[in-house]
Amino acid sequence: MAYEAVTQKAVSIRFACDAFQISETCYRYQHQSEDGNSLIADWLIKLTNEHKDWGFGLCFAYIRNVKGFQFNHKRVYRIYCELALNLRIKPKRRIKRPVTEVLKEPEHTNDIWSLDFMHDQMSDGQSYRLLNVIDDYKREGLAMEADLSLPASRVIRTLNQILEYRLPPNTIRCDNGPEFTIHEFQNWVVQKGIRIEYIQPGKPQQNAYIERYNRTVRYGLLNQYLFNNLNDIQDYATRWLWFYNHERPHQANGGKPPLMNI
């Protein structure tokens, strides 16, 4: 009505806005083009199809930090909701836990490495193990070793391979599994001048960095594929580890991959 009054009745914009009780900003507003909405929708659908465990945070961080698009997060989230891509959030259970030791935070690269094992089955039902090694500071994945059995000698061999191109860490953090408490592993740690930090039995939250990493591996890799043999597992694990370090956004790094800008 204000627009018609200005164009047809030859009144001023200020008079028309006062008469109809609207602001001049509202009167002068021009609808912005939404050409980029289809691009955003295409990227969101592509990312959620390829990475079914990704929520809005990882999708937005990938579009913004990895691909370099400068879309506003509110705009991306609106399209994300319109596409009904929201992941169901499980309600938190309130469990009373005893007081545990404070999780020591790493201060620099190679300060603390965390080690842990995962278990899964191949298509024929045979179980296999996966050894994960990460640098807690940047959440960088250092190794993923898959086999039917991973004794202490295999753990040592994997760590020696990492030390061929990296400095040894100050501390190795792990649970009280037999592979880590055996004398062979303890002697190797002493020879390398590394301090070993065992978590308290039954307190996996004291090794929270590797436990959170294991969850990412579970939803991003192991639950996505059904492997036929160990070669397939190791091949997929190697490629996934490169993707995790170089392209997968991580909230702990400000929405950037662990090895981005390093």
Protein backbone atom coordinates (compact mmCIF):
# COMPACT_ATOMS: atom_id res chain seq x y z
CA MET A 1 0.00 0.00 0.00
CA ALA A 2 2.86 2.37 0.78
CA TYR A 3 4.44 1.57 -2.57
CA GLU A 4 1.19 2.31 -4.42
CA ALA A 5 0.75 5.58 -2.49
CA VAL A 6 4.22 6.75 -3.52
CA THR A 7 3.92 5.73 -7.18
CA GLN A 8 0.28 6.64 -7.83
CA LYS A 9 -0.52 9.43 -5.35
CA ALA A 10 2.83 11.22 -5.65
CA VAL A 11 3.41 11.36 -1.89
CA SER A 12 6.83 11.14 -0.30
CA ILE A 13 8.26 7.87 0.99
CA ARG A 14 8.51 9.32 4.50
CA PHE A 15 4.85 10.38 4.51
CA ALA A 16 3.69 6.99 3.17
CA CYS A 17 5.74 5.08 5.76
CA ASP A 18 4.37 7.22 8.59
CA ALA A 19 0.82 6.78 7.32
CA PHE A 20 1.03 3.01 7.14
CA GLN A 21 3.29 2.71 10.23
CA ILE A 22 6.23 0.95 8.59
CA SER A 23 9.93 1.79 8.60
CA GLU A 24 11.71 3.22 5.59
CA THR A 25 14.14 0.30 5.81
CA CYS A 26 11.24 -2.11 5.31
CA TYR A 27 9.98 -0.03 2.38
CA ARG A 28 13.37 0.04 0.64
CA TYR A 29 14.14 -3.66 1.26
CA GLN A 30 15.09 -5.55 -1.90
CA HIS A 31 14.78 -9.34 -1.93
CA GLN A 32 18.21 -10.90 -2.31
CA SER A 33 18.92 -13.50 -4.94
CA GLU A 34 18.89 -17.11 -3.78
CA ASP A 35 20.95 -18.51 -6.63
CA GLY A 36 23.41 -19.98 -4.13
CA ASN A 37 20.73 -21.99 -2.33
CA SER A 38 20.77 -24.75 -4.93
CA LEU A 39 24.57 -24.94 -4.64
CA ILE A 40 24.33 -25.23 -0.85
CA ALA A 41 21.63 -27.90 -1.13
CA ASP A 42 23.72 -29.90 -3.60
CA TRP A 43 26.75 -29.85 -1.30
CA LEU A 44 24.68 -30.79 1.78
CA ILE A 45 23.05 -33.73 0.01
CA LYS A 46 26.41 -34.88 -1.37
CA LEU A 47 28.16 -34.70 2.01
CA THR A 48 25.39 -36.43 3.96
CA ASN A 49 25.19 -39.20 1.35
CA GLU A 50 28.94 -39.83 1.41
CA HIS A 51 29.34 -39.37 5.19
CA LYS A 52 26.19 -40.57 6.88
CA ASP A 53 27.55 -39.81 10.35
CA TRP A 54 28.08 -36.09 9.63
CA GLY A 55 25.80 -33.53 11.21
CA PHE A 56 25.34 -29.85 10.40
CA GLY A 57 28.54 -28.75 12.15
CA LEU A 58 30.86 -30.92 10.07
CA CYS A 59 28.99 -30.18 6.83
CA PHE A 60 29.17 -26.41 7.39
CA ALA A 61 32.85 -26.56 8.43
CA TYR A 62 33.70 -28.55 5.29
CA ILE A 63 31.82 -26.15 2.99
CA ARG A 64 33.32 -23.08 4.69
CA ASN A 65 36.87 -24.12 5.60
CA VAL A 66 37.76 -26.85 3.12
CA LYS A 67 35.88 -25.70 0.01
CA GLY A 68 36.15 -21.97 0.75
CA PHE A 69 32.50 -20.92 0.27
CA GLN A 70 31.57 -17.89 2.40
CA PHE A 71 27.94 -18.79 3.05
CA ASN A 72 26.42 -17.62 6.33
CA HIS A 73 25.84 -20.45 8.82
CA LYS A 74 22.20 -19.40 9.36
CA ARG A 75 21.52 -19.68 5.65
CA VAL A 76 23.18 -23.08 5.40
CA TYR A 77 21.34 -24.32 8.50
CA ARG A 78 17.97 -23.16 7.13
CA ILE A 79 18.53 -25.15 3.94
CA TYR A 80 19.85 -28.06 6.00
CA CYS A 81 16.58 -28.16 7.97
CA GLU A 82 14.42 -27.72 4.86
CA LEU A 83 16.08 -30.82 3.38
CA ALA A 84 15.28 -32.71 6.62
CA LEU A 85 18.91 -33.80 7.05
CA ASN A 86 18.92 -33.38 10.82
CA LEU A 87 20.49 -36.27 12.73
CA ARG A 88 18.59 -37.61 15.71
CA ILE A 89 20.28 -36.63 18.96
CA LYS A 90 20.15 -39.31 21.60
CA PRO A 91 19.11 -38.02 25.05
CA LYS A 92 21.87 -38.04 27.62
CA ARG A 93 21.53 -40.45 30.52
CA ARG A 94 22.36 -39.02 33.90
CA ILE A 95 24.73 -41.44 35.59
CA LYS A 96 26.45 -40.77 38.87
CA ARG A 97 30.13 -41.49 38.50
CA PRO A 98 32.92 -41.45 41.09
CA VAL A 99 35.54 -38.72 40.95
CA THR A 100 38.24 -39.58 38.42
CA GLU A 101 41.63 -38.18 37.58
CA VAL A 102 41.68 -35.02 35.48
CA LEU A 103 42.36 -35.60 31.78
CA LYS A 104 45.76 -34.13 30.95
CA GLU A 105 45.56 -31.88 27.89
CA PRO A 106 48.48 -31.90 25.41
CA GLU A 107 50.39 -28.63 25.06
CA HIS A 108 52.11 -29.18 21.71
CA THR A 109 52.64 -31.69 18.91
CA ASN A 110 54.23 -34.98 20.05
CA ASP A 111 53.38 -34.20 23.66
CA ILE A 112 50.93 -37.10 24.14
CA TRP A 113 50.09 -40.00 21.83
CA SER A 114 47.08 -42.19 22.59
CA LEU A 115 46.72 -45.88 21.64
CA ASP A 116 43.69 -48.13 21.64
CA PHE A 117 42.19 -51.19 19.93
CA MET A 118 38.88 -51.67 18.13
CA HIS A 119 37.09 -54.89 17.19
CA ASP A 120 34.82 -55.77 14.27
CA GLN A 121 33.86 -58.65 11.96
CA MET A 122 34.35 -59.35 8.26
CA SER A 123 31.62 -60.57 5.91
CA ASP A 124 32.36 -64.22 6.81
CA GLY A 125 31.94 -63.51 10.53
CA GLN A 126 35.64 -63.67 11.37
CA SER A 127 36.74 -61.09 13.94
CA TYR A 128 39.62 -58.71 13.43
CA ARG A 129 41.32 -55.97 15.42
CA LEU A 130 42.25 -52.42 14.54
CA LEU A 131 45.05 -50.52 16.30
CA ASN A 132 44.57 -46.74 16.34
CA VAL A 133 47.33 -44.26 17.20
CA ILE A 134 46.68 -40.50 17.39
CA ASP A 135 48.50 -37.34 18.42
CA ASP A 136 46.18 -35.76 20.99
CA TYR A 137 47.26 -32.16 20.30
CA LYS A 138 45.80 -31.80 16.79
CA ARG A 139 43.73 -35.03 16.94
CA GLU A 140 45.94 -36.24 14.09
CA GLY A 141 45.64 -39.90 13.17
CA LEU A 142 49.12 -41.43 13.03
CA ALA A 143 48.38 -45.06 12.19
CA MET A 144 45.61 -47.61 11.65
CA GLU A 145 46.85 -51.19 11.70
CA ALA A 146 44.41 -54.05 10.95
CA ASP A 147 44.96 -57.77 11.53
CA LEU A 148 43.41 -60.84 13.12
CA SER A 149 45.84 -60.53 16.02
CA LEU A 150 47.89 -57.53 17.15
CA PRO A 151 50.32 -58.55 19.91
CA ALA A 152 52.84 -56.25 21.56
CA SER A 153 55.42 -56.92 18.83
CA ARG A 154 53.03 -55.55 16.19
CA VAL A 155 52.29 -52.51 18.33
CA ILE A 156 56.03 -51.84 18.65
CA ARG A 157 56.56 -52.30 14.92
CA THR A 158 53.78 -49.83 14.13
CA LEU A 159 55.22 -47.25 16.53
CA ASN A 160 58.70 -47.70 15.04
CA GLN A 161 57.29 -47.01 11.59
CA ILE A 162 55.79 -43.74 12.87
CA LEU A 163 59.09 -42.76 14.51
CA GLU A 164 60.83 -43.01 11.14
CA TYR A 165 59.33 -39.64 10.18
CA ARG A 166 58.33 -38.11 13.55
CA LEU A 167 60.01 -37.31 16.83
CA PRO A 168 59.05 -39.58 19.74
CA PRO A 169 56.31 -38.29 22.06
CA ASN A 170 56.83 -37.28 25.65
CA THR A 171 54.03 -39.57 26.83
CA ILE A 172 52.06 -42.54 25.51
CA ARG A 173 48.58 -42.88 27.00
CA CYS A 174 46.81 -46.27 26.87
CA ASP A 175 44.65 -48.67 28.85
CA ASN A 176 45.80 -51.68 30.87
CA GLY A 177 45.54 -54.23 28.06
CA PRO A 178 48.07 -57.10 27.97
CA GLU A 179 49.70 -55.64 24.83
CA PHE A 180 50.64 -52.50 26.77
CA THR A 181 51.51 -53.99 30.17
CA ILE A 182 53.82 -56.73 28.90
CA HIS A 183 57.54 -56.32 29.61
CA GLU A 184 58.40 -56.23 25.91
CA PHE A 185 56.38 -53.05 25.39
CA GLN A 186 57.50 -51.45 28.66
CA ASN A 187 61.17 -52.07 27.84
CA TRP A 188 60.73 -50.51 24.39
CA VAL A 189 59.17 -47.40 25.93
CA VAL A 190 62.08 -47.06 28.37
CA GLN A 191 64.64 -47.41 25.56
CA LYS A 192 62.95 -44.61 23.61
CA GLY A 193 62.81 -42.31 26.65
CA ILE A 194 59.02 -42.16 26.59
CA ARG A 195 56.82 -42.01 29.68
CA ILE A 196 53.85 -44.37 29.65
CA GLU A 197 50.60 -43.25 31.28
CA TYR A 198 48.06 -45.97 32.08
CA ILE A 199 44.45 -44.98 32.68
CA GLN A 200 42.58 -46.27 35.71
CA PRO A 201 40.78 -49.59 35.10
CA GLY A 202 37.18 -49.02 34.05
CA LYS A 203 37.75 -45.30 33.32
CA PRO A 204 37.83 -44.95 29.50
CA GLN A 205 37.02 -41.23 29.87
CA GLN A 206 40.63 -40.77 31.00
CA ASN A 207 41.60 -41.69 27.45
CA ALA A 208 38.90 -39.47 25.97
CA TYR A 209 40.80 -38.32 22.87
CA ILE A 210 41.28 -41.80 21.43
CA GLU A 211 37.81 -42.92 22.54
CA ARG A 212 36.23 -40.03 20.63
CA TYR A 213 38.43 -40.87 17.66
CA ASN A 214 37.29 -44.51 17.84
CA ARG A 215 33.70 -43.35 17.62
CA THR A 216 34.50 -41.39 14.45
CA VAL A 217 36.21 -44.46 12.97
CA ARG A 218 33.24 -46.63 13.91
CA TYR A 219 30.58 -44.42 12.31
CA GLY A 220 32.70 -43.07 9.45
CA LEU A 221 34.45 -46.27 8.32
CA LEU A 222 33.59 -49.59 9.97
CA ASN A 223 29.80 -49.16 9.94
CA GLN A 224 29.81 -48.00 6.32
CA TYR A 225 31.42 -51.06 4.72
CA LEU A 226 31.37 -54.85 5.00
CA PHE A 227 34.89 -56.07 4.33
CA ASN A 228 35.80 -59.42 2.78
CA ASN A 229 39.46 -59.70 3.78
CA LEU A 230 42.27 -57.96 5.65
CA ASN A 231 43.69 -56.35 2.52
CA ASP A 232 40.41 -54.53 1.91
CA ILE A 233 40.30 -53.38 5.53
CA GLN A 234 43.85 -52.01 5.46
CA ASP A 235 43.32 -50.33 2.09
CA TYR A 236 40.13 -48.56 3.16
CA ALA A 237 41.65 -47.67 6.54
CA THR A 238 44.69 -46.06 4.90
CA ARG A 239 42.57 -43.97 2.53
CA TRP A 240 40.15 -43.00 5.29
CA LEU A 241 43.05 -41.92 7.54
CA TRP A 242 44.36 -39.60 4.81
CA PHE A 243 40.89 -38.14 4.34
CA TYR A 244 40.50 -37.66 8.13
CA ASN A 245 43.82 -35.82 8.44
CA HIS A 246 43.56 -33.64 5.33
CA GLU A 247 39.87 -33.01 4.54
CA ARG A 248 37.55 -33.97 7.40
CA PRO A 249 36.75 -30.90 9.54
CA HIS A 250 37.34 -31.29 13.27
CA GLN A 251 35.60 -29.08 15.82
CA ALA A 252 38.60 -29.23 18.17
CA ASN A 253 40.67 -27.51 15.46
CA GLY A 254 38.18 -24.72 14.83
CA GLY A 255 36.36 -26.65 12.12
CA LYS A 256 39.54 -27.43 10.14
CA PRO A 257 41.19 -30.79 9.36
CA PRO A 258 44.09 -31.79 11.67
CA LEU A 259 46.78 -31.23 9.00
CA MET A 260 45.34 -28.13 7.35
CA ASN A 261 47.67 -25.08 7.32
CA ILE A 262 50.53 -27.00 8.90
